[in-house]
Amino acid sequence: MYIPEWYKEERLETLQQAIDRIAFGSLVTSGSQGNLMASHIPMMLDRAKGQKGALVGHIARGNSQWRETNISGNALAIFMGPDAYISPSWYKTKDETGEVVPTWNYIAVHASGPITFFDDAERLIQLVTDLTTKFEHNSETPWKVSDAPKNYIKKQLKGIIGFEMQIDRIEGKWKLGQNRGDADRTGAIRGLQRRRLRNDFEIAKEMERAKPWRR
């Protein structure tokens, strides 16, 4: 991922928290023939495994990615956070010089490392239990794996393949206008707050938190 210095996020805890928050990402692997394969799935970070943690999740057994992945190479997990179009009309520089262009602000995290796939029943039931607990915790009446009949869950487990990707490298890009002057940044934040589309408020908040880059 191309990351100019002013957009680089290197704090491990911040990157891990972003993965926890975003959760849904793209798992990209290379096949034995050099072809690229991708699955768009929820993933969970296990901080207890390795220095940077490990990503775990599952894909459908019918998905050939687990069969065709060259496990001697690394996998890549991509997590896209909030994003928003930034209009140059919001910048003070537009009125001063006119030398402005549109851009897009966003947050992205890339994690890569070796991957293994598994279909052990006990390991799978623990995986889906952990995933369910994580994603149900905000529900008014959280669903549990044990709420379903055991035979039904046993049958469902046969339709999935688990994976674990040990994170060797993790990098983040917080593209939030840090390279622009304070007046332009303030104008963009206010423009997002007025427009109120999709992720505008979230990006505006992230821009307020981001420290301007100073040469």
Protein backbone atom coordinates (compact mmCIF):
# COMPACT_ATOMS: atom_id res chain seq x y z
CA MET A 1 0.00 0.00 0.00
CA TYR A 2 1.35 3.41 -0.95
CA ILE A 3 1.51 5.49 2.23
CA PRO A 4 3.00 8.99 2.20
CA GLU A 5 4.65 9.92 5.49
CA TRP A 6 1.85 12.25 6.56
CA TYR A 7 -0.79 9.50 6.29
CA LYS A 8 1.18 6.69 7.93
CA GLU A 9 -0.23 5.01 11.05
CA GLU A 10 2.28 2.77 12.82
CA ARG A 11 0.91 2.35 16.35
CA LEU A 12 0.12 -1.34 16.76
CA GLU A 13 -2.71 -0.84 19.25
CA THR A 14 -4.38 1.74 16.97
CA LEU A 15 -4.14 -0.64 14.00
CA GLN A 16 -5.48 -3.56 16.03
CA GLN A 17 -8.36 -1.46 17.34
CA ALA A 18 -9.25 -0.51 13.77
CA ILE A 19 -9.40 -4.18 12.77
CA ASP A 20 -11.60 -4.90 15.79
CA ARG A 21 -13.92 -2.05 14.82
CA ILE A 22 -14.09 -2.69 11.07
CA ALA A 23 -14.10 -6.53 11.32
CA PHE A 24 -15.34 -7.13 7.75
CA GLY A 25 -12.53 -7.33 5.23
CA SER A 26 -11.07 -8.97 2.14
CA LEU A 27 -8.85 -12.05 2.45
CA VAL A 28 -6.52 -12.23 -0.55
CA THR A 29 -4.32 -15.23 -1.36
CA SER A 30 -2.29 -16.43 -4.32
CA GLY A 31 -3.12 -19.71 -6.03
CA SER A 32 -0.66 -22.37 -7.12
CA GLN A 33 -0.89 -21.02 -10.68
CA GLY A 34 -0.17 -17.46 -9.58
CA ASN A 35 -3.82 -16.40 -9.75
CA LEU A 36 -5.20 -14.13 -7.05
CA MET A 37 -8.27 -15.09 -5.02
CA ALA A 38 -10.28 -12.97 -2.59
CA SER A 39 -13.09 -13.61 -0.12
CA HIS A 40 -15.05 -10.85 1.61
CA ILE A 41 -15.69 -12.02 5.15
CA PRO A 42 -15.76 -11.05 8.83
CA MET A 43 -12.48 -11.68 10.64
CA MET A 44 -11.44 -11.54 14.26
CA LEU A 45 -8.09 -10.56 15.73
CA ASP A 46 -6.51 -12.89 18.29
CA ARG A 47 -3.97 -10.72 20.13
CA ALA A 48 -2.59 -13.67 22.12
CA LYS A 49 -0.93 -15.22 19.08
CA GLY A 50 2.42 -13.72 18.14
CA GLN A 51 3.77 -10.21 18.54
CA LYS A 52 1.20 -8.63 16.21
CA GLY A 53 -1.62 -11.13 16.66
CA ALA A 54 -3.38 -13.45 14.25
CA LEU A 55 -6.53 -13.15 12.14
CA VAL A 56 -9.06 -15.95 12.27
CA GLY A 57 -12.27 -16.62 10.40
CA HIS A 58 -13.91 -19.08 8.05
CA ILE A 59 -15.00 -19.44 4.44
CA ALA A 60 -17.45 -21.76 2.75
CA ARG A 61 -16.18 -25.25 2.00
CA GLY A 62 -17.46 -24.73 -1.54
CA ASN A 63 -15.11 -21.76 -1.90
CA SER A 64 -12.06 -23.11 -3.75
CA GLN A 65 -9.76 -20.53 -2.17
CA TRP A 66 -8.82 -22.87 0.68
CA ARG A 67 -7.92 -25.67 -1.75
CA GLU A 68 -6.02 -23.57 -4.27
CA THR A 69 -4.09 -21.21 -1.98
CA ASN A 70 -0.33 -21.60 -2.09
CA ILE A 71 0.31 -21.80 1.65
CA SER A 72 4.06 -21.32 1.13
CA GLY A 73 3.31 -17.67 0.39
CA ASN A 74 1.68 -14.94 2.45
CA ALA A 75 -1.97 -13.97 2.59
CA LEU A 76 -3.23 -10.38 2.76
CA ALA A 77 -6.21 -9.11 4.73
CA ILE A 78 -7.58 -5.68 3.79
CA PHE A 79 -9.84 -3.69 6.08
CA MET A 80 -11.46 -0.52 4.76
CA GLY A 81 -12.72 1.92 7.35
CA PRO A 82 -14.93 4.97 6.77
CA ASP A 83 -14.41 6.99 3.61
CA ALA A 84 -15.78 10.18 2.10
CA TYR A 85 -15.42 12.40 -0.96
CA ILE A 86 -13.78 15.76 -0.20
CA SER A 87 -14.89 18.69 -2.34
CA PRO A 88 -12.22 21.32 -3.16
CA SER A 89 -14.90 23.97 -2.72
CA TRP A 90 -14.56 23.46 1.06
CA TYR A 91 -10.94 24.63 1.13
CA LYS A 92 -9.95 28.20 1.95
CA THR A 93 -7.18 27.78 -0.63
CA LYS A 94 -9.86 27.66 -3.35
CA ASP A 95 -10.71 31.32 -2.64
CA GLU A 96 -7.07 32.33 -2.28
CA THR A 97 -5.39 30.67 -5.28
CA GLY A 98 -7.87 28.23 -6.85
CA GLU A 99 -5.12 25.60 -6.80
CA VAL A 100 -7.17 22.76 -5.36
CA VAL A 101 -8.56 19.47 -6.64
CA PRO A 102 -11.04 16.86 -5.32
CA THR A 103 -9.82 14.00 -3.16
CA TRP A 104 -11.10 11.10 -1.09
CA ASN A 105 -10.38 10.65 2.61
CA TYR A 106 -10.35 7.19 4.16
CA ILE A 107 -8.87 4.76 6.65
CA ALA A 108 -7.35 1.43 5.56
CA VAL A 109 -5.42 -1.35 7.30
CA HIS A 110 -3.42 -4.09 5.57
CA ALA A 111 -2.24 -7.16 7.47
CA SER A 112 -0.23 -9.97 5.91
CA GLY A 113 1.44 -13.21 6.89
CA PRO A 114 1.36 -17.00 6.48
CA ILE A 115 -2.06 -18.66 6.45
CA THR A 116 -3.29 -22.13 7.35
CA PHE A 117 -6.72 -23.67 6.81
CA PHE A 118 -8.40 -26.24 9.05
CA ASP A 119 -11.62 -28.24 9.35
CA ASP A 120 -11.19 -29.85 12.76
CA ALA A 121 -14.67 -29.92 14.32
CA GLU A 122 -13.61 -28.89 17.84
CA ARG A 123 -11.52 -26.02 16.56
CA LEU A 124 -14.32 -24.87 14.26
CA ILE A 125 -16.95 -24.87 17.01
CA GLN A 126 -14.65 -22.76 19.18
CA LEU A 127 -14.06 -20.38 16.27
CA VAL A 128 -17.73 -19.84 15.46
CA THR A 129 -18.52 -19.49 19.17
CA ASP A 130 -15.86 -16.78 19.54
CA LEU A 131 -17.03 -14.98 16.39
CA THR A 132 -20.65 -15.10 17.50
CA THR A 133 -19.81 -13.79 20.96
CA LYS A 134 -17.87 -10.88 19.45
CA PHE A 135 -20.52 -9.81 16.94
CA GLU A 136 -23.57 -10.43 19.14
CA HIS A 137 -22.36 -8.44 22.15
CA ASN A 138 -24.26 -5.31 21.10
CA SER A 139 -27.51 -7.15 20.47
CA GLU A 140 -30.45 -6.62 22.79
CA THR A 141 -30.91 -10.37 23.05
CA PRO A 142 -27.58 -11.94 22.00
CA TRP A 143 -27.84 -15.18 20.06
CA LYS A 144 -25.56 -18.03 21.13
CA VAL A 145 -24.39 -21.05 19.20
CA SER A 146 -25.91 -23.18 21.94
CA ASP A 147 -29.34 -21.74 21.08
CA ALA A 148 -29.43 -23.94 17.96
CA PRO A 149 -29.81 -27.75 18.03
CA LYS A 150 -26.44 -29.52 18.33
CA ASN A 151 -27.08 -31.72 15.29
CA TYR A 152 -27.91 -28.64 13.20
CA ILE A 153 -24.69 -26.87 14.23
CA LYS A 154 -22.71 -30.06 13.57
CA LYS A 155 -24.15 -30.16 10.05
CA GLN A 156 -23.41 -26.47 9.44
CA LEU A 157 -19.80 -26.88 10.54
CA LYS A 158 -19.28 -29.37 7.72
CA GLY A 159 -19.95 -26.56 5.27
CA ILE A 160 -17.12 -24.27 6.40
CA ILE A 161 -13.33 -24.20 6.51
CA GLY A 162 -11.51 -22.22 9.19
CA PHE A 163 -8.33 -20.25 8.70
CA GLU A 164 -5.66 -18.57 10.78
CA MET A 165 -3.29 -15.94 9.44
CA GLN A 166 -0.33 -15.05 11.62
CA ILE A 167 0.34 -11.34 11.17
CA ASP A 168 3.95 -10.66 10.18
CA ARG A 169 3.31 -7.18 8.82
CA ILE A 170 0.61 -4.63 9.53
CA GLU A 171 0.30 -1.12 8.14
CA GLY A 172 -2.30 1.60 8.20
CA LYS A 173 -3.19 4.60 6.08
CA TRP A 174 -5.19 7.38 7.75
CA LYS A 175 -5.73 9.70 4.77
CA LEU A 176 -7.42 12.58 6.56
CA GLY A 177 -6.01 15.76 5.06
CA GLN A 178 -3.02 15.94 7.40
CA ASN A 179 -0.96 17.47 4.57
CA ARG A 180 -3.23 20.51 4.24
CA GLY A 181 -3.26 23.73 6.23
CA ASP A 182 -5.46 24.24 9.27
CA ALA A 183 -7.97 26.44 7.40
CA ASP A 184 -8.43 23.88 4.63
CA ARG A 185 -8.82 21.05 7.15
CA THR A 186 -11.39 23.02 9.13
CA GLY A 187 -13.28 23.83 5.94
CA ALA A 188 -13.38 20.17 4.92
CA ILE A 189 -14.59 19.09 8.36
CA ARG A 190 -17.39 21.64 8.30
CA GLY A 191 -18.29 20.66 4.74
CA LEU A 192 -18.64 17.02 5.76
CA GLN A 193 -20.77 17.97 8.77
CA ARG A 194 -23.11 19.99 6.56
CA ARG A 195 -23.41 17.40 3.79
CA ARG A 196 -24.38 14.49 6.08
CA LEU A 197 -23.94 11.67 3.58
CA ARG A 198 -22.99 8.10 4.48
CA ASN A 199 -19.71 8.26 6.45
CA ASP A 200 -19.36 12.05 6.48
CA PHE A 201 -19.73 12.48 10.24
CA GLU A 202 -17.33 9.63 10.99
CA ILE A 203 -14.65 10.97 8.65
CA ALA A 204 -15.14 14.47 10.08
CA LYS A 205 -14.50 13.09 13.58
CA GLU A 206 -11.42 11.21 12.42
CA MET A 207 -10.11 14.39 10.77
CA GLU A 208 -10.56 16.25 14.05
CA ARG A 209 -8.55 13.58 15.87
CA ALA A 210 -5.75 13.41 13.28
CA LYS A 211 -2.72 15.58 13.94
CA PRO A 212 -1.65 17.84 11.04
CA TRP A 213 1.63 16.87 9.43
CA ARG A 214 4.29 19.53 9.76
CA ARG A 215 7.26 19.69 7.42
